Every structure is written in C-alpha cells, then in structure tokens.
Amino acid sequence: MAVDMEEIRNTLVKDIMRKKKIKKLKPTDSVATAIRWLSSHELSMLPVMDGGNYLGEVFEEDLLKIVIDPRDMSTQQIVMEPLLGMSFFPKSVKDVMRKHNAFLSPDDTLRSASKKMYMAKAGVLPVMENGKLAGLLFADDIISQLIR
C-alpha cells in the first residue's frame, strides 16, 4: 500500500499528539527526580511547569551533560544508574531546563511541526493551546504515520 505523503503532511498535530497523563516537572524538583521520571516513563523530554505556566523543558541529553566530567570529554559510555539513588543531587530542574523556544499549535500540520522540530533540533515539542500545555508531539509520532 502506497503512503499518501500529502495526507500525512496535512494531518493536524491534535490528531496524533500525546495528551494523556503528561508527567510534568516543577522548577524546584531535583535533577535526580527528573532522571527517575525520564527513565521510568521512557521519555526523552519532560515539560517544566510552575502551576499552569509553561517554563521550559528538561531533555535527556541536558542531563547527560552534567554527568560528563568536562576533563574527560572522551567518555564513550555514560551510566546514569548510580545517580538514581542520590537524594543530594546538587542541581534543581530550573538549573538544567531549557527555556521554551519552540511550540506547536494543535492546528499545525505535520509538515509545519516537522519543520519546527528540525529547526529546534528537538525530537519532541510541546503543543500549546490558549497559553496552556495541551500535549506533546514526538518525532516518532510523526514517523509512525509513515508506517500506519
């Protein structure tokens, strides 16, 4: 069966975005908490919210940067498992989060969403509606449309 690329490109974000039980971090949460949640939910990004206000995101790769010893940038394998037991991790989520810079609208097409993801160099973007987090769209949500 041939894939109708035009149909996929014109599919709306709201039709495939993830919106159920989105785990959210608070800016005061510890980095260890962020690591636990990312790991246990098999996600690469979690939104950071202060009440109903969207502040930014914590990405898996940002957490890896704090684990790498800058004196040893040749590290080939980074194991985060030892960090999970730390209750004294020195940084909070607000210290490692990215400030929001790219959003999607539920009415964006996948063509537009793909371009925004590519330009933001992000595999996931928040979907905002009326200033509130409505969902998340992951690159694999878009890719899965190619094999449906």
C-alpha atoms as a PDB file:
ATOM      1  CA  MET A   1       0.000   0.000   0.000  1.00  0.00           C
ATOM      2  CA  ALA A   2       1.408   3.382  -1.009  1.00  0.00           C
ATOM      3  CA  VAL A   3       1.819   6.088   1.608  1.00  0.00           C
ATOM      4  CA  ASP A   4      -0.089   9.271   0.804  1.00  0.00           C
ATOM      5  CA  MET A   5       2.574  11.809   1.789  1.00  0.00           C
ATOM      6  CA  GLU A   6       0.327  14.784   1.167  1.00  0.00           C
ATOM      7  CA  GLU A   7      -2.275  13.369   3.545  1.00  0.00           C
ATOM      8  CA  ILE A   8       0.397  12.801   6.201  1.00  0.00           C
ATOM      9  CA  ARG A   9       1.881  16.278   5.719  1.00  0.00           C
ATOM     10  CA  ASN A  10      -1.561  17.821   6.166  1.00  0.00           C
ATOM     11  CA  THR A  11      -2.525  15.765   9.228  1.00  0.00           C
ATOM     12  CA  LEU A  12      -3.057  18.031  12.223  1.00  0.00           C
ATOM     13  CA  VAL A  13      -0.898  17.836  15.346  1.00  0.00           C
ATOM     14  CA  LYS A  14      -4.017  17.484  17.533  1.00  0.00           C
ATOM     15  CA  ASP A  15      -4.856  14.234  15.746  1.00  0.00           C
ATOM     16  CA  ILE A  16      -1.689  12.433  16.848  1.00  0.00           C
ATOM     17  CA  MET A  17      -0.205  14.373  19.810  1.00  0.00           C
ATOM     18  CA  ARG A  18       0.171  12.723  23.192  1.00  0.00           C
ATOM     19  CA  LYS A  19      -2.134  14.294  25.717  1.00  0.00           C
ATOM     20  CA  LYS A  20      -2.927  11.706  28.353  1.00  0.00           C
ATOM     21  CA  LYS A  21      -1.241  11.939  31.746  1.00  0.00           C
ATOM     22  CA  ILE A  22       1.695  14.091  30.727  1.00  0.00           C
ATOM     23  CA  LYS A  23       4.235  13.961  33.517  1.00  0.00           C
ATOM     24  CA  LYS A  24       5.365  17.467  34.433  1.00  0.00           C
ATOM     25  CA  LEU A  25       8.312  18.677  36.459  1.00  0.00           C
ATOM     26  CA  LYS A  26       8.339  21.682  38.778  1.00  0.00           C
ATOM     27  CA  PRO A  27      11.345  24.039  38.648  1.00  0.00           C
ATOM     28  CA  THR A  28      12.159  23.092  42.241  1.00  0.00           C
ATOM     29  CA  ASP A  29      12.271  19.340  41.549  1.00  0.00           C
ATOM     30  CA  SER A  30      15.708  17.781  41.840  1.00  0.00           C
ATOM     31  CA  VAL A  31      17.682  16.622  38.833  1.00  0.00           C
ATOM     32  CA  ALA A  32      17.562  13.128  40.351  1.00  0.00           C
ATOM     33  CA  THR A  33      13.749  13.299  40.175  1.00  0.00           C
ATOM     34  CA  ALA A  34      13.938  14.326  36.518  1.00  0.00           C
ATOM     35  CA  ILE A  35      16.259  11.399  35.797  1.00  0.00           C
ATOM     36  CA  ARG A  36      13.931   8.959  37.562  1.00  0.00           C
ATOM     37  CA  TRP A  37      10.857  10.185  35.687  1.00  0.00           C
ATOM     38  CA  LEU A  38      12.549  10.254  32.292  1.00  0.00           C
ATOM     39  CA  SER A  39      13.867   6.760  32.857  1.00  0.00           C
ATOM     40  CA  SER A  40      10.709   5.218  34.269  1.00  0.00           C
ATOM     41  CA  HIS A  41       8.451   6.729  31.586  1.00  0.00           C
ATOM     42  CA  GLU A  42      10.928   6.072  28.748  1.00  0.00           C
ATOM     43  CA  LEU A  43      10.810   9.693  27.601  1.00  0.00           C
ATOM     44  CA  SER A  44      13.465  11.999  26.217  1.00  0.00           C
ATOM     45  CA  MET A  45      11.862  15.231  27.485  1.00  0.00           C
ATOM     46  CA  LEU A  46       9.644  16.431  30.279  1.00  0.00           C
ATOM     47  CA  PRO A  47       7.917  19.815  30.445  1.00  0.00           C
ATOM     48  CA  VAL A  48       8.655  22.139  33.365  1.00  0.00           C
ATOM     49  CA  MET A  49       5.600  23.889  34.772  1.00  0.00           C
ATOM     50  CA  ASP A  50       5.062  26.374  37.573  1.00  0.00           C
ATOM     51  CA  GLY A  51       1.396  25.982  38.371  1.00  0.00           C
ATOM     52  CA  GLY A  52      -0.259  26.330  34.977  1.00  0.00           C
ATOM     53  CA  ASN A  53       2.631  28.296  33.458  1.00  0.00           C
ATOM     54  CA  TYR A  54       4.897  26.550  30.980  1.00  0.00           C
ATOM     55  CA  LEU A  55       8.522  27.431  31.748  1.00  0.00           C
ATOM     56  CA  GLY A  56      10.591  25.111  29.585  1.00  0.00           C
ATOM     57  CA  GLU A  57      11.788  21.555  29.132  1.00  0.00           C
ATOM     58  CA  VAL A  58      14.338  19.137  30.535  1.00  0.00           C
ATOM     59  CA  PHE A  59      15.874  16.921  27.867  1.00  0.00           C
ATOM     60  CA  GLU A  60      17.704  13.670  28.459  1.00  0.00           C
ATOM     61  CA  GLU A  61      20.808  14.996  26.692  1.00  0.00           C
ATOM     62  CA  ASP A  62      20.943  18.024  29.014  1.00  0.00           C
ATOM     63  CA  LEU A  63      21.117  15.663  31.976  1.00  0.00           C
ATOM     64  CA  LEU A  64      23.923  13.717  30.334  1.00  0.00           C
ATOM     65  CA  LYS A  65      25.968  16.914  30.121  1.00  0.00           C
ATOM     66  CA  ILE A  66      26.024  17.279  33.897  1.00  0.00           C
ATOM     67  CA  VAL A  67      27.164  13.681  34.304  1.00  0.00           C
ATOM     68  CA  ILE A  68      30.112  14.053  31.918  1.00  0.00           C
ATOM     69  CA  ASP A  69      33.286  15.208  33.605  1.00  0.00           C
ATOM     70  CA  PRO A  70      34.484  18.124  31.431  1.00  0.00           C
ATOM     71  CA  ARG A  71      38.064  16.906  31.947  1.00  0.00           C
ATOM     72  CA  ASP A  72      37.182  13.655  30.228  1.00  0.00           C
ATOM     73  CA  MET A  73      35.223  14.515  27.108  1.00  0.00           C
ATOM     74  CA  SER A  74      36.379  11.254  25.533  1.00  0.00           C
ATOM     75  CA  THR A  75      33.901   9.324  27.687  1.00  0.00           C
ATOM     76  CA  GLN A  76      32.306   6.749  25.405  1.00  0.00           C
ATOM     77  CA  GLN A  77      29.803   5.247  27.785  1.00  0.00           C
ATOM     78  CA  ILE A  78      27.887   7.092  30.457  1.00  0.00           C
ATOM     79  CA  VAL A  79      25.980   5.099  33.019  1.00  0.00           C
ATOM     80  CA  MET A  80      23.328   7.072  34.853  1.00  0.00           C
ATOM     81  CA  GLU A  81      22.228   4.218  37.126  1.00  0.00           C
ATOM     82  CA  PRO A  82      24.399   5.303  40.123  1.00  0.00           C
ATOM     83  CA  LEU A  83      22.720   8.718  40.097  1.00  0.00           C
ATOM     84  CA  LEU A  84      19.280   7.285  40.680  1.00  0.00           C
ATOM     85  CA  GLY A  85      19.968   6.585  44.350  1.00  0.00           C
ATOM     86  CA  MET A  86      21.235  10.091  45.041  1.00  0.00           C
ATOM     87  CA  SER A  87      18.963  12.183  47.195  1.00  0.00           C
ATOM     88  CA  PHE A  88      21.501  15.009  47.455  1.00  0.00           C
ATOM     89  CA  PHE A  89      21.919  15.752  43.753  1.00  0.00           C
ATOM     90  CA  PRO A  90      23.226  19.341  43.709  1.00  0.00           C
ATOM     91  CA  LYS A  91      21.071  20.895  40.980  1.00  0.00           C
ATOM     92  CA  SER A  92      17.382  21.551  40.599  1.00  0.00           C
ATOM     93  CA  VAL A  93      15.404  21.297  37.394  1.00  0.00           C
ATOM     94  CA  LYS A  94      15.434  25.101  36.974  1.00  0.00           C
ATOM     95  CA  ASP A  95      19.242  24.909  36.697  1.00  0.00           C
ATOM     96  CA  VAL A  96      19.225  22.478  33.761  1.00  0.00           C
ATOM     97  CA  MET A  97      15.981  23.193  31.906  1.00  0.00           C
ATOM     98  CA  ARG A  98      15.857  24.867  28.537  1.00  0.00           C
ATOM     99  CA  LYS A  99      13.691  27.932  28.314  1.00  0.00           C
ATOM    100  CA  HIS A 100      10.844  27.287  25.933  1.00  0.00           C
ATOM    101  CA  ASN A 101      11.641  28.496  22.468  1.00  0.00           C
ATOM    102  CA  ALA A 102       9.599  26.391  20.085  1.00  0.00           C
ATOM    103  CA  PHE A 103       5.957  25.420  20.394  1.00  0.00           C
ATOM    104  CA  LEU A 104       3.399  23.715  18.283  1.00  0.00           C
ATOM    105  CA  SER A 105      -0.282  24.502  17.993  1.00  0.00           C
ATOM    106  CA  PRO A 106      -2.879  21.711  17.870  1.00  0.00           C
ATOM    107  CA  ASP A 107      -3.870  23.058  14.449  1.00  0.00           C
ATOM    108  CA  ASP A 108      -0.343  22.918  12.991  1.00  0.00           C
ATOM    109  CA  THR A 109       0.105  20.410  10.197  1.00  0.00           C
ATOM    110  CA  LEU A 110       2.705  17.662  10.481  1.00  0.00           C
ATOM    111  CA  ARG A 111       4.562  19.426   7.671  1.00  0.00           C
ATOM    112  CA  SER A 112       4.858  22.546   9.844  1.00  0.00           C
ATOM    113  CA  ALA A 113       5.557  20.529  13.017  1.00  0.00           C
ATOM    114  CA  SER A 114       8.353  18.588  11.315  1.00  0.00           C
ATOM    115  CA  LYS A 115       9.989  21.808  10.166  1.00  0.00           C
ATOM    116  CA  LYS A 116       9.755  23.344  13.659  1.00  0.00           C
ATOM    117  CA  MET A 117      11.272  20.194  15.213  1.00  0.00           C
ATOM    118  CA  TYR A 118      14.066  20.181  12.684  1.00  0.00           C
ATOM    119  CA  MET A 119      14.831  23.871  13.200  1.00  0.00           C
ATOM    120  CA  ALA A 120      14.733  23.480  17.011  1.00  0.00           C
ATOM    121  CA  LYS A 121      16.916  20.343  16.787  1.00  0.00           C
ATOM    122  CA  ALA A 122      14.431  18.654  19.087  1.00  0.00           C
ATOM    123  CA  GLY A 123      12.798  15.252  18.873  1.00  0.00           C
ATOM    124  CA  VAL A 124       9.809  16.456  20.871  1.00  0.00           C
ATOM    125  CA  LEU A 125       7.970  19.754  21.174  1.00  0.00           C
ATOM    126  CA  PRO A 126       5.219  20.968  23.475  1.00  0.00           C
ATOM    127  CA  VAL A 127       1.799  21.644  21.994  1.00  0.00           C
ATOM    128  CA  MET A 128       0.289  24.817  23.446  1.00  0.00           C
ATOM    129  CA  GLU A 129      -3.336  25.922  23.252  1.00  0.00           C
ATOM    130  CA  ASN A 130      -4.553  29.206  24.755  1.00  0.00           C
ATOM    131  CA  GLY A 131      -1.300  29.516  26.702  1.00  0.00           C
ATOM    132  CA  LYS A 132      -1.676  26.062  28.280  1.00  0.00           C
ATOM    133  CA  LEU A 133       0.116  22.793  27.646  1.00  0.00           C
ATOM    134  CA  ALA A 134      -2.253  20.689  25.532  1.00  0.00           C
ATOM    135  CA  GLY A 135       0.116  17.829  24.727  1.00  0.00           C
ATOM    136  CA  LEU A 136       3.474  16.719  23.407  1.00  0.00           C
ATOM    137  CA  LEU A 137       4.445  15.705  19.897  1.00  0.00           C
ATOM    138  CA  PHE A 138       7.412  13.375  19.496  1.00  0.00           C
ATOM    139  CA  ALA A 139       9.283  12.825  16.248  1.00  0.00           C
ATOM    140  CA  ASP A 140       8.402   9.133  16.432  1.00  0.00           C
ATOM    141  CA  ASP A 141       4.703  10.095  16.491  1.00  0.00           C
ATOM    142  CA  ILE A 142       5.237  11.715  13.091  1.00  0.00           C
ATOM    143  CA  ILE A 143       7.400   8.874  11.764  1.00  0.00           C
ATOM    144  CA  SER A 144       4.807   6.293  12.842  1.00  0.00           C
ATOM    145  CA  GLN A 145       2.363   7.949  10.448  1.00  0.00           C
ATOM    146  CA  LEU A 146       4.574   6.744   7.595  1.00  0.00           C
ATOM    147  CA  ILE A 147       4.022   3.087   8.504  1.00  0.00           C
ATOM    148  CA  ARG A 148       0.385   3.106   9.610  1.00  0.00           C
END
